[in-house]
Amino acid sequence: MVPSLQLDTQVAPGCTTLVISGECDQDDAQVLEQALTVVEDSPPVLIVDVSRLLFGDSVLLHFLLSAQRAQTAAGGRLEVRGPLAPAVERLLRETGTYEAFTVTGAGDAA
């Protein structure tokens, strides 16, 4: 059975962490669009933790780019926290967007 997308938001002073787990595909577009409301009200640092995400496609990429734009426009910053699943890292590298994000923990995958 494929794990469905799950989101968990953790708020701390000056930082919001959005943990995305399971798998993210076209069926999850609306869920991630709703998650962008977290980004709009985000404090200066938004961490998108994808360390528990097994798969992501263009929907994930669109979400990350939109979150990055929102954070930049608000004078904040976005951090993508790994380790990244091979499919997620491949998505970012093959689209040429890996370098557009601050990715932490990327080299920690086993």
PDB file of N, CA and C in Angstrom:
ATOM      1  N   MET A   1       0.830  -1.182   0.000  1.00  0.00           N
ATOM      2  CA  MET A   1       0.000   0.000   0.000  1.00  0.00           C
ATOM      3  C   MET A   1       0.881   1.255   0.000  1.00  0.00           C
ATOM      4  N   VAL A   2       0.529   2.208  -0.834  1.00  0.00           N
ATOM      5  CA  VAL A   2       1.280   3.454  -0.954  1.00  0.00           C
ATOM      6  C   VAL A   2       0.863   4.397   0.171  1.00  0.00           C
ATOM      7  N   PRO A   3       1.842   4.925   0.938  1.00  0.00           N
ATOM      8  CA  PRO A   3       1.488   5.854   2.004  1.00  0.00           C
ATOM      9  C   PRO A   3       0.950   7.155   1.428  1.00  0.00           C
ATOM     10  N   SER A   4      -0.195   7.589   1.944  1.00  0.00           N
ATOM     11  CA  SER A   4      -0.776   8.834   1.458  1.00  0.00           C
ATOM     12  C   SER A   4      -0.012  10.022   2.016  1.00  0.00           C
ATOM     13  N   LEU A   5      -0.225  11.154   1.411  1.00  0.00           N
ATOM     14  CA  LEU A   5       0.430  12.382   1.835  1.00  0.00           C
ATOM     15  C   LEU A   5      -0.078  12.794   3.208  1.00  0.00           C
ATOM     16  N   GLN A   6       0.849  13.163   4.061  1.00  0.00           N
ATOM     17  CA  GLN A   6       0.508  13.664   5.386  1.00  0.00           C
ATOM     18  C   GLN A   6       1.294  14.938   5.628  1.00  0.00           C
ATOM     19  N   LEU A   7       0.630  15.923   6.230  1.00  0.00           N
ATOM     20  CA  LEU A   7       1.270  17.191   6.566  1.00  0.00           C
ATOM     21  C   LEU A   7       1.148  17.418   8.059  1.00  0.00           C
ATOM     22  N   ASP A   8       2.206  17.939   8.636  1.00  0.00           N
ATOM     23  CA  ASP A   8       2.205  18.301  10.049  1.00  0.00           C
ATOM     24  C   ASP A   8       2.916  19.637  10.166  1.00  0.00           C
ATOM     25  N   THR A   9       2.304  20.565  10.872  1.00  0.00           N
ATOM     26  CA  THR A   9       2.892  21.894  11.047  1.00  0.00           C
ATOM     27  C   THR A   9       3.337  22.062  12.485  1.00  0.00           C
ATOM     28  N   GLN A  10       4.565  22.513  12.645  1.00  0.00           N
ATOM     29  CA  GLN A  10       5.124  22.779  13.966  1.00  0.00           C
ATOM     30  C   GLN A  10       5.559  24.242  13.993  1.00  0.00           C
ATOM     31  N   VAL A  11       5.017  24.990  14.966  1.00  0.00           N
ATOM     32  CA  VAL A  11       5.298  26.418  15.051  1.00  0.00           C
ATOM     33  C   VAL A  11       6.156  26.690  16.277  1.00  0.00           C
ATOM     34  N   ALA A  12       7.219  27.445  16.071  1.00  0.00           N
ATOM     35  CA  ALA A  12       8.106  27.888  17.149  1.00  0.00           C
ATOM     36  C   ALA A  12       8.369  29.374  16.908  1.00  0.00           C
ATOM     37  N   PRO A  13       8.830  30.087  17.904  1.00  0.00           N
ATOM     38  CA  PRO A  13       9.114  31.513  17.706  1.00  0.00           C
ATOM     39  C   PRO A  13      10.077  31.731  16.531  1.00  0.00           C
ATOM     40  N   GLY A  14       9.628  32.493  15.536  1.00  0.00           N
ATOM     41  CA  GLY A  14      10.472  32.831  14.395  1.00  0.00           C
ATOM     42  C   GLY A  14      10.611  31.765  13.337  1.00  0.00           C
ATOM     43  N   CYS A  15       9.958  30.611  13.520  1.00  0.00           N
ATOM     44  CA  CYS A  15      10.152  29.498  12.584  1.00  0.00           C
ATOM     45  C   CYS A  15       8.914  28.617  12.538  1.00  0.00           C
ATOM     46  N   THR A  16       8.512  28.257  11.336  1.00  0.00           N
ATOM     47  CA  THR A  16       7.463  27.264  11.138  1.00  0.00           C
ATOM     48  C   THR A  16       8.073  26.101  10.372  1.00  0.00           C
ATOM     49  N   THR A  17       7.802  24.890  10.829  1.00  0.00           N
ATOM     50  CA  THR A  17       8.261  23.695  10.130  1.00  0.00           C
ATOM     51  C   THR A  17       7.044  22.961   9.596  1.00  0.00           C
ATOM     52  N   LEU A  18       7.051  22.696   8.309  1.00  0.00           N
ATOM     53  CA  LEU A  18       6.009  21.917   7.661  1.00  0.00           C
ATOM     54  C   LEU A  18       6.622  20.571   7.295  1.00  0.00           C
ATOM     55  N   VAL A  19       6.169  19.521   7.955  1.00  0.00           N
ATOM     56  CA  VAL A  19       6.683  18.178   7.704  1.00  0.00           C
ATOM     57  C   VAL A  19       5.754  17.507   6.689  1.00  0.00           C
ATOM     58  N   ILE A  20       6.335  17.085   5.564  1.00  0.00           N
ATOM     59  CA  ILE A  20       5.579  16.398   4.519  1.00  0.00           C
ATOM     60  C   ILE A  20       6.053  14.963   4.484  1.00  0.00           C
ATOM     61  N   SER A  21       5.118  14.027   4.616  1.00  0.00           N
ATOM     62  CA  SER A  21       5.505  12.613   4.604  1.00  0.00           C
ATOM     63  C   SER A  21       4.576  11.818   3.697  1.00  0.00           C
ATOM     64  N   GLY A  22       5.021  10.611   3.361  1.00  0.00           N
ATOM     65  CA  GLY A  22       4.249   9.752   2.465  1.00  0.00           C
ATOM     66  C   GLY A  22       4.703   9.940   1.036  1.00  0.00           C
ATOM     67  N   GLU A  23       3.737  10.065   0.126  1.00  0.00           N
ATOM     68  CA  GLU A  23       4.021  10.300  -1.284  1.00  0.00           C
ATOM     69  C   GLU A  23       3.177  11.461  -1.770  1.00  0.00           C
ATOM     70  N   CYS A  24       3.752  12.268  -2.648  1.00  0.00           N
ATOM     71  CA  CYS A  24       3.096  13.468  -3.151  1.00  0.00           C
ATOM     72  C   CYS A  24       2.989  13.370  -4.671  1.00  0.00           C
ATOM     73  N   ASP A  25       1.749  13.394  -5.175  1.00  0.00           N
ATOM     74  CA  ASP A  25       1.550  13.367  -6.619  1.00  0.00           C
ATOM     75  C   ASP A  25       0.372  14.262  -6.989  1.00  0.00           C
ATOM     76  N   GLN A  26      -0.090  14.143  -8.221  1.00  0.00           N
ATOM     77  CA  GLN A  26      -1.147  15.012  -8.740  1.00  0.00           C
ATOM     78  C   GLN A  26      -2.410  15.015  -7.863  1.00  0.00           C
ATOM     79  N   ASP A  27      -2.701  13.899  -7.216  1.00  0.00           N
ATOM     80  CA  ASP A  27      -3.890  13.815  -6.368  1.00  0.00           C
ATOM     81  C   ASP A  27      -3.790  14.708  -5.138  1.00  0.00           C
ATOM     82  N   ASP A  28      -2.595  15.182  -4.812  1.00  0.00           N
ATOM     83  CA  ASP A  28      -2.367  15.969  -3.604  1.00  0.00           C
ATOM     84  C   ASP A  28      -2.235  17.467  -3.860  1.00  0.00           C
ATOM     85  N   ALA A  29      -2.495  17.892  -5.081  1.00  0.00           N
ATOM     86  CA  ALA A  29      -2.317  19.299  -5.440  1.00  0.00           C
ATOM     87  C   ALA A  29      -3.137  20.217  -4.535  1.00  0.00           C
ATOM     88  N   GLN A  30      -4.383  19.869  -4.295  1.00  0.00           N
ATOM     89  CA  GLN A  30      -5.244  20.731  -3.481  1.00  0.00           C
ATOM     90  C   GLN A  30      -4.757  20.807  -2.032  1.00  0.00           C
ATOM     91  N   VAL A  31      -4.271  19.702  -1.499  1.00  0.00           N
ATOM     92  CA  VAL A  31      -3.768  19.680  -0.127  1.00  0.00           C
ATOM     93  C   VAL A  31      -2.567  20.612   0.006  1.00  0.00           C
ATOM     94  N   LEU A  32      -1.662  20.558  -0.952  1.00  0.00           N
ATOM     95  CA  LEU A  32      -0.485  21.420  -0.893  1.00  0.00           C
ATOM     96  C   LEU A  32      -0.839  22.880  -1.156  1.00  0.00           C
ATOM     97  N   GLU A  33      -1.834  23.130  -2.006  1.00  0.00           N
ATOM     98  CA  GLU A  33      -2.283  24.506  -2.210  1.00  0.00           C
ATOM     99  C   GLU A  33      -2.802  25.094  -0.897  1.00  0.00           C
ATOM    100  N   GLN A  34      -3.527  24.285  -0.140  1.00  0.00           N
ATOM    101  CA  GLN A  34      -4.020  24.739   1.155  1.00  0.00           C
ATOM    102  C   GLN A  34      -2.864  24.965   2.124  1.00  0.00           C
ATOM    103  N   ALA A  35      -1.829  24.170   2.010  1.00  0.00           N
ATOM    104  CA  ALA A  35      -0.664  24.332   2.884  1.00  0.00           C
ATOM    105  C   ALA A  35       0.046  25.651   2.608  1.00  0.00           C
ATOM    106  N   LEU A  36      -0.128  26.202   1.411  1.00  0.00           N
ATOM    107  CA  LEU A  36       0.497  27.489   1.104  1.00  0.00           C
ATOM    108  C   LEU A  36      -0.036  28.606   1.999  1.00  0.00           C
ATOM    109  N   THR A  37      -1.212  28.428   2.585  1.00  0.00           N
ATOM    110  CA  THR A  37      -1.711  29.444   3.518  1.00  0.00           C
ATOM    111  C   THR A  37      -0.816  29.520   4.743  1.00  0.00           C
ATOM    112  N   VAL A  38      -0.198  28.414   5.117  1.00  0.00           N
ATOM    113  CA  VAL A  38       0.780  28.415   6.208  1.00  0.00           C
ATOM    114  C   VAL A  38       1.954  29.291   5.816  1.00  0.00           C
ATOM    115  N   VAL A  39       2.361  29.163   4.561  1.00  0.00           N
ATOM    116  CA  VAL A  39       3.492  29.930   4.061  1.00  0.00           C
ATOM    117  C   VAL A  39       3.182  31.419   4.084  1.00  0.00           C
ATOM    118  N   GLU A  40       1.973  31.795   3.694  1.00  0.00           N
ATOM    119  CA  GLU A  40       1.606  33.204   3.634  1.00  0.00           C
ATOM    120  C   GLU A  40       1.676  33.872   4.999  1.00  0.00           C
ATOM    121  N   ASP A  41       1.404  33.125   6.052  1.00  0.00           N
ATOM    122  CA  ASP A  41       1.440  33.673   7.410  1.00  0.00           C
ATOM    123  C   ASP A  41       2.706  33.259   8.149  1.00  0.00           C
ATOM    124  N   SER A  42       3.685  32.808   7.417  1.00  0.00           N
ATOM    125  CA  SER A  42       4.881  32.234   8.011  1.00  0.00           C
ATOM    126  C   SER A  42       5.780  33.273   8.666  1.00  0.00           C
ATOM    127  N   PRO A  43       6.457  32.873   9.719  1.00  0.00           N
ATOM    128  CA  PRO A  43       7.481  33.738  10.306  1.00  0.00           C
ATOM    129  C   PRO A  43       8.700  33.801   9.381  1.00  0.00           C
ATOM    130  N   PRO A  44       9.741  34.471   9.787  1.00  0.00           N
ATOM    131  CA  PRO A  44      10.899  34.676   8.901  1.00  0.00           C
ATOM    132  C   PRO A  44      11.527  33.406   8.328  1.00  0.00           C
ATOM    133  N   VAL A  45      11.429  32.290   9.013  1.00  0.00           N
ATOM    134  CA  VAL A  45      12.032  31.049   8.510  1.00  0.00           C
ATOM    135  C   VAL A  45      10.939  29.995   8.353  1.00  0.00           C
ATOM    136  N   LEU A  46      10.867  29.418   7.162  1.00  0.00           N
ATOM    137  CA  LEU A  46       9.973  28.296   6.907  1.00  0.00           C
ATOM    138  C   LEU A  46      10.834  27.105   6.543  1.00  0.00           C
ATOM    139  N   ILE A  47      10.698  26.041   7.313  1.00  0.00           N
ATOM    140  CA  ILE A  47      11.407  24.794   7.027  1.00  0.00           C
ATOM    141  C   ILE A  47      10.390  23.814   6.456  1.00  0.00           C
ATOM    142  N   VAL A  48      10.670  23.299   5.272  1.00  0.00           N
ATOM    143  CA  VAL A  48       9.848  22.249   4.690  1.00  0.00           C
ATOM    144  C   VAL A  48      10.653  20.965   4.842  1.00  0.00           C
ATOM    145  N   ASP A  49      10.219  20.139   5.779  1.00  0.00           N
ATOM    146  CA  ASP A  49      10.918  18.895   6.092  1.00  0.00           C
ATOM    147  C   ASP A  49      10.357  17.788   5.201  1.00  0.00           C
ATOM    148  N   VAL A  50      11.167  17.327   4.267  1.00  0.00           N
ATOM    149  CA  VAL A  50      10.756  16.262   3.353  1.00  0.00           C
ATOM    150  C   VAL A  50      11.496  14.960   3.647  1.00  0.00           C
ATOM    151  N   SER A  51      12.081  14.868   4.825  1.00  0.00           N
ATOM    152  CA  SER A  51      12.875  13.683   5.164  1.00  0.00           C
ATOM    153  C   SER A  51      12.031  12.413   5.226  1.00  0.00           C
ATOM    154  N   ARG A  52      10.719  12.557   5.375  1.00  0.00           N
ATOM    155  CA  ARG A  52       9.820  11.386   5.429  1.00  0.00           C
ATOM    156  C   ARG A  52       9.004  11.234   4.149  1.00  0.00           C
ATOM    157  N   LEU A  53       9.346  12.023   3.134  1.00  0.00           N
ATOM    158  CA  LEU A  53       8.637  11.963   1.862  1.00  0.00           C
ATOM    159  C   LEU A  53       9.325  10.949   0.963  1.00  0.00           C
ATOM    160  N   LEU A  54       8.570   9.980   0.481  1.00  0.00           N
ATOM    161  CA  LEU A  54       9.130   8.910  -0.340  1.00  0.00           C
ATOM    162  C   LEU A  54       9.169   9.259  -1.817  1.00  0.00           C
ATOM    163  N   PHE A  55       8.222  10.093  -2.260  1.00  0.00           N
ATOM    164  CA  PHE A  55       8.109  10.432  -3.677  1.00  0.00           C
ATOM    165  C   PHE A  55       7.468  11.804  -3.814  1.00  0.00           C
ATOM    166  N   GLY A  56       7.931  12.564  -4.782  1.00  0.00           N
ATOM    167  CA  GLY A  56       7.316  13.844  -5.109  1.00  0.00           C
ATOM    168  C   GLY A  56       7.438  14.094  -6.594  1.00  0.00           C
ATOM    169  N   ASP A  57       6.399  14.694  -7.182  1.00  0.00           N
ATOM    170  CA  ASP A  57       6.445  15.011  -8.605  1.00  0.00           C
ATOM    171  C   ASP A  57       6.318  16.514  -8.797  1.00  0.00           C
ATOM    172  N   SER A  58       5.821  16.937  -9.933  1.00  0.00           N
ATOM    173  CA  SER A  58       5.741  18.365 -10.240  1.00  0.00           C
ATOM    174  C   SER A  58       4.874  19.132  -9.253  1.00  0.00           C
ATOM    175  N   VAL A  59       3.930  18.472  -8.615  1.00  0.00           N
ATOM    176  CA  VAL A  59       3.097  19.131  -7.601  1.00  0.00           C
ATOM    177  C   VAL A  59       3.971  19.569  -6.424  1.00  0.00           C
ATOM    178  N   LEU A  60       4.862  18.717  -5.994  1.00  0.00           N
ATOM    179  CA  LEU A  60       5.788  19.076  -4.923  1.00  0.00           C
ATOM    180  C   LEU A  60       6.693  20.213  -5.365  1.00  0.00           C
ATOM    181  N   LEU A  61       7.222  20.119  -6.577  1.00  0.00           N
ATOM    182  CA  LEU A  61       8.106  21.161  -7.086  1.00  0.00           C
ATOM    183  C   LEU A  61       7.382  22.504  -7.140  1.00  0.00           C
ATOM    184  N   HIS A  62       6.160  22.504  -7.632  1.00  0.00           N
ATOM    185  CA  HIS A  62       5.370  23.742  -7.692  1.00  0.00           C
ATOM    186  C   HIS A  62       5.165  24.320  -6.287  1.00  0.00           C
ATOM    187  N   PHE A  63       4.859  23.453  -5.328  1.00  0.00           N
ATOM    188  CA  PHE A  63       4.676  23.907  -3.949  1.00  0.00           C
ATOM    189  C   PHE A  63       5.957  24.544  -3.408  1.00  0.00           C
ATOM    190  N   LEU A  64       7.084  23.872  -3.590  1.00  0.00           N
ATOM    191  CA  LEU A  64       8.354  24.398  -3.072  1.00  0.00           C
ATOM    192  C   LEU A  64       8.717  25.732  -3.715  1.00  0.00           C
ATOM    193  N   LEU A  65       8.528  25.841  -5.024  1.00  0.00           N
ATOM    194  CA  LEU A  65       8.837  27.100  -5.701  1.00  0.00           C
ATOM    195  C   LEU A  65       7.900  28.219  -5.249  1.00  0.00           C
ATOM    196  N   SER A  66       6.619  27.911  -5.083  1.00  0.00           N
ATOM    197  CA  SER A  66       5.657  28.906  -4.608  1.00  0.00           C
ATOM    198  C   SER A  66       5.978  29.346  -3.187  1.00  0.00           C
ATOM    199  N   ALA A  67       6.341  28.393  -2.338  1.00  0.00           N
ATOM    200  CA  ALA A  67       6.711  28.715  -0.955  1.00  0.00           C
ATOM    201  C   ALA A  67       7.973  29.569  -0.930  1.00  0.00           C
ATOM    202  N   GLN A  68       8.928  29.234  -1.785  1.00  0.00           N
ATOM    203  CA  GLN A  68      10.167  30.005  -1.878  1.00  0.00           C
ATOM    204  C   GLN A  68       9.871  31.452  -2.285  1.00  0.00           C
ATOM    205  N   ARG A  69       9.015  31.615  -3.291  1.00  0.00           N
ATOM    206  CA  ARG A  69       8.640  32.959  -3.752  1.00  0.00           C
ATOM    207  C   ARG A  69       7.961  33.749  -2.639  1.00  0.00           C
ATOM    208  N   ALA A  70       7.039  33.108  -1.930  1.00  0.00           N
ATOM    209  CA  ALA A  70       6.317  33.784  -0.850  1.00  0.00           C
ATOM    210  C   ALA A  70       7.263  34.199   0.267  1.00  0.00           C
ATOM    211  N   GLN A  71       8.164  33.325   0.633  1.00  0.00           N
ATOM    212  CA  GLN A  71       9.122  33.647   1.695  1.00  0.00           C
ATOM    213  C   GLN A  71      10.031  34.798   1.276  1.00  0.00           C
ATOM    214  N   THR A  72      10.524  34.747   0.057  1.00  0.00           N
ATOM    215  CA  THR A  72      11.405  35.799  -0.442  1.00  0.00           C
ATOM    216  C   THR A  72      10.671  37.137  -0.483  1.00  0.00           C
ATOM    217  N   ALA A  73       9.442  37.125  -0.961  1.00  0.00           N
ATOM    218  CA  ALA A  73       8.652  38.359  -1.040  1.00  0.00           C
ATOM    219  C   ALA A  73       8.400  38.955   0.336  1.00  0.00           C
ATOM    220  N   ALA A  74       8.302  38.097   1.351  1.00  0.00           N
ATOM    221  CA  ALA A  74       8.048  38.559   2.722  1.00  0.00           C
ATOM    222  C   ALA A  74       9.339  38.871   3.472  1.00  0.00           C
ATOM    223  N   GLY A  75      10.475  38.722   2.800  1.00  0.00           N
ATOM    224  CA  GLY A  75      11.756  38.985   3.453  1.00  0.00           C
ATOM    225  C   GLY A  75      12.243  37.839   4.314  1.00  0.00           C
ATOM    226  N   GLY A  76      11.651  36.672   4.138  1.00  0.00           N
ATOM    227  CA  GLY A  76      12.047  35.493   4.908  1.00  0.00           C
ATOM    228  C   GLY A  76      12.885  34.553   4.072  1.00  0.00           C
ATOM    229  N   ARG A  77      13.065  33.356   4.596  1.00  0.00           N
ATOM    230  CA  ARG A  77      13.817  32.346   3.844  1.00  0.00           C
ATOM    231  C   ARG A  77      13.174  30.986   4.023  1.00  0.00           C
ATOM    232  N   LEU A  78      13.430  30.134   3.061  1.00  0.00           N
ATOM    233  CA  LEU A  78      12.898  28.774   3.049  1.00  0.00           C
ATOM    234  C   LEU A  78      14.067  27.808   3.104  1.00  0.00           C
ATOM    235  N   GLU A  79      13.917  26.786   3.915  1.00  0.00           N
ATOM    236  CA  GLU A  79      14.910  25.716   3.997  1.00  0.00           C
ATOM    237  C   GLU A  79      14.206  24.404   3.704  1.00  0.00           C
ATOM    238  N   VAL A  80      14.778  23.606   2.827  1.00  0.00           N
ATOM    239  CA  VAL A  80      14.260  22.263   2.552  1.00  0.00           C
ATOM    240  C   VAL A  80      15.135  21.312   3.353  1.00  0.00           C
ATOM    241  N   ARG A  81      14.515  20.580   4.264  1.00  0.00           N
ATOM    242  CA  ARG A  81      15.268  19.692   5.150  1.00  0.00           C
ATOM    243  C   ARG A  81      15.113  18.247   4.706  1.00  0.00           C
ATOM    244  N   GLY A  82      16.235  17.567   4.578  1.00  0.00           N
ATOM    245  CA  GLY A  82      16.270  16.161   4.202  1.00  0.00           C
ATOM    246  C   GLY A  82      16.672  15.313   5.368  1.00  0.00           C
ATOM    247  N   PRO A  83      17.157  14.118   5.110  1.00  0.00           N
ATOM    248  CA  PRO A  83      17.668  13.668   3.824  1.00  0.00           C
ATOM    249  C   PRO A  83      16.552  13.492   2.792  1.00  0.00           C
ATOM    250  N   LEU A  84      16.931  13.696   1.546  1.00  0.00           N
ATOM    251  CA  LEU A  84      15.985  13.602   0.451  1.00  0.00           C
ATOM    252  C   LEU A  84      15.905  12.166  -0.054  1.00  0.00           C
ATOM    253  N   ALA A  85      14.675  11.713  -0.288  1.00  0.00           N
ATOM    254  CA  ALA A  85      14.500  10.419  -0.944  1.00  0.00           C
ATOM    255  C   ALA A  85      15.092  10.525  -2.343  1.00  0.00           C
ATOM    256  N   PRO A  86      15.607   9.432  -2.907  1.00  0.00           N
ATOM    257  CA  PRO A  86      16.194   9.492  -4.244  1.00  0.00           C
ATOM    258  C   PRO A  86      15.268  10.126  -5.288  1.00  0.00           C
ATOM    259  N   ALA A  87      13.971   9.825  -5.235  1.00  0.00           N
ATOM    260  CA  ALA A  87      13.032  10.389  -6.213  1.00  0.00           C
ATOM    261  C   ALA A  87      12.893  11.894  -6.054  1.00  0.00           C
ATOM    262  N   VAL A  88      12.938  12.388  -4.826  1.00  0.00           N
ATOM    263  CA  VAL A  88      12.812  13.820  -4.569  1.00  0.00           C
ATOM    264  C   VAL A  88      14.082  14.543  -5.008  1.00  0.00           C
ATOM    265  N   GLU A  89      15.234  13.981  -4.678  1.00  0.00           N
ATOM    266  CA  GLU A  89      16.491  14.597  -5.102  1.00  0.00           C
ATOM    267  C   GLU A  89      16.594  14.617  -6.626  1.00  0.00           C
ATOM    268  N   ARG A  90      16.203  13.530  -7.262  1.00  0.00           N
ATOM    269  CA  ARG A  90      16.241  13.454  -8.733  1.00  0.00           C
ATOM    270  C   ARG A  90      15.325  14.525  -9.337  1.00  0.00           C
ATOM    271  N   LEU A  91      14.131  14.712  -8.760  1.00  0.00           N
ATOM    272  CA  LEU A  91      13.203  15.738  -9.234  1.00  0.00           C
ATOM    273  C   LEU A  91      13.861  17.113  -9.218  1.00  0.00           C
ATOM    274  N   LEU A  92      14.491  17.456  -8.101  1.00  0.00           N
ATOM    275  CA  LEU A  92      15.117  18.773  -7.974  1.00  0.00           C
ATOM    276  C   LEU A  92      16.320  18.928  -8.905  1.00  0.00           C
ATOM    277  N   ARG A  93      17.121  17.883  -9.003  1.00  0.00           N
ATOM    278  CA  ARG A  93      18.332  17.977  -9.844  1.00  0.00           C
ATOM    279  C   ARG A  93      17.985  17.996 -11.329  1.00  0.00           C
ATOM    280  N   GLU A  94      17.063  17.129 -11.759  1.00  0.00           N
ATOM    281  CA  GLU A  94      16.732  17.048 -13.182  1.00  0.00           C
ATOM    282  C   GLU A  94      15.995  18.284 -13.680  1.00  0.00           C
ATOM    283  N   THR A  95      15.328  18.989 -12.785  1.00  0.00           N
ATOM    284  CA  THR A  95      14.630  20.217 -13.184  1.00  0.00           C
ATOM    285  C   THR A  95      15.518  21.445 -13.023  1.00  0.00           C
ATOM    286  N   GLY A  96      16.729  21.249 -12.519  1.00  0.00           N
ATOM    287  CA  GLY A  96      17.656  22.353 -12.340  1.00  0.00           C
ATOM    288  C   GLY A  96      17.288  23.286 -11.194  1.00  0.00           C
ATOM    289  N   THR A  97      16.475  22.795 -10.266  1.00  0.00           N
ATOM    290  CA  THR A  97      16.025  23.652  -9.158  1.00  0.00           C
ATOM    291  C   THR A  97      16.711  23.344  -7.837  1.00  0.00           C
ATOM    292  N   TYR A  98      17.513  22.300  -7.786  1.00  0.00           N
ATOM    293  CA  TYR A  98      18.167  21.927  -6.529  1.00  0.00           C
ATOM    294  C   TYR A  98      18.924  23.108  -5.939  1.00  0.00           C
ATOM    295  N   GLU A  99      19.671  23.799  -6.762  1.00  0.00           N
ATOM    296  CA  GLU A  99      20.495  24.926  -6.305  1.00  0.00           C
ATOM    297  C   GLU A  99      19.653  26.139  -5.907  1.00  0.00           C
ATOM    298  N   ALA A 100      18.396  26.173  -6.296  1.00  0.00           N
ATOM    299  CA  ALA A 100      17.526  27.307  -5.950  1.00  0.00           C
ATOM    300  C   ALA A 100      17.100  27.270  -4.490  1.00  0.00           C
ATOM    301  N   PHE A 101      17.269  26.121  -3.853  1.00  0.00           N
ATOM    302  CA  PHE A 101      16.818  25.950  -2.471  1.00  0.00           C
ATOM    303  C   PHE A 101      18.016  25.781  -1.541  1.00  0.00           C
ATOM    304  N   THR A 102      17.824  26.169  -0.297  1.00  0.00           N
ATOM    305  CA  THR A 102      18.769  25.826   0.755  1.00  0.00           C
ATOM    306  C   THR A 102      18.346  24.446   1.230  1.00  0.00           C
ATOM    307  N   VAL A 103      19.121  23.431   0.886  1.00  0.00           N
ATOM    308  CA  VAL A 103      18.805  22.050   1.253  1.00  0.00           C
ATOM    309  C   VAL A 103      19.765  21.621   2.347  1.00  0.00           C
ATOM    310  N   THR A 104      19.212  21.192   3.483  1.00  0.00           N
ATOM    311  CA  THR A 104      20.031  20.716   4.586  1.00  0.00           C
ATOM    312  C   THR A 104      19.755  19.246   4.822  1.00  0.00           C
ATOM    313  N   GLY A 105      20.764  18.534   5.260  1.00  0.00           N
ATOM    314  CA  GLY A 105      20.609  17.111   5.549  1.00  0.00           C
ATOM    315  C   GLY A 105      20.549  16.241   4.323  1.00  0.00           C
ATOM    316  N   ALA A 106      20.866  16.786   3.155  1.00  0.00           N
ATOM    317  CA  ALA A 106      20.729  16.026   1.901  1.00  0.00           C
ATOM    318  C   ALA A 106      21.686  14.855   1.831  1.00  0.00           C
ATOM    319  N   GLY A 107      22.837  14.967   2.435  1.00  0.00           N
ATOM    320  CA  GLY A 107      23.832  13.900   2.348  1.00  0.00           C
ATOM    321  C   GLY A 107      23.694  12.840   3.425  1.00  0.00           C
ATOM    322  N   ASP A 108      22.619  12.909   4.219  1.00  0.00           N
ATOM    323  CA  ASP A 108      22.461  12.002   5.350  1.00  0.00           C
ATOM    324  C   ASP A 108      21.730  10.715   5.006  1.00  0.00           C
ATOM    325  N   ALA A 109      21.234  10.583   3.776  1.00  0.00           N
ATOM    326  CA  ALA A 109      20.472   9.383   3.425  1.00  0.00           C
ATOM    327  C   ALA A 109      21.379   8.167   3.461  1.00  0.00           C
ATOM    328  N   ALA A 110      20.810   7.063   3.881  1.00  0.00           N
ATOM    329  CA  ALA A 110      21.582   5.815   3.964  1.00  0.00           C
ATOM    330  C   ALA A 110      21.642   5.117   2.629  1.00  0.00           C
TER     331      ALA A 110
END
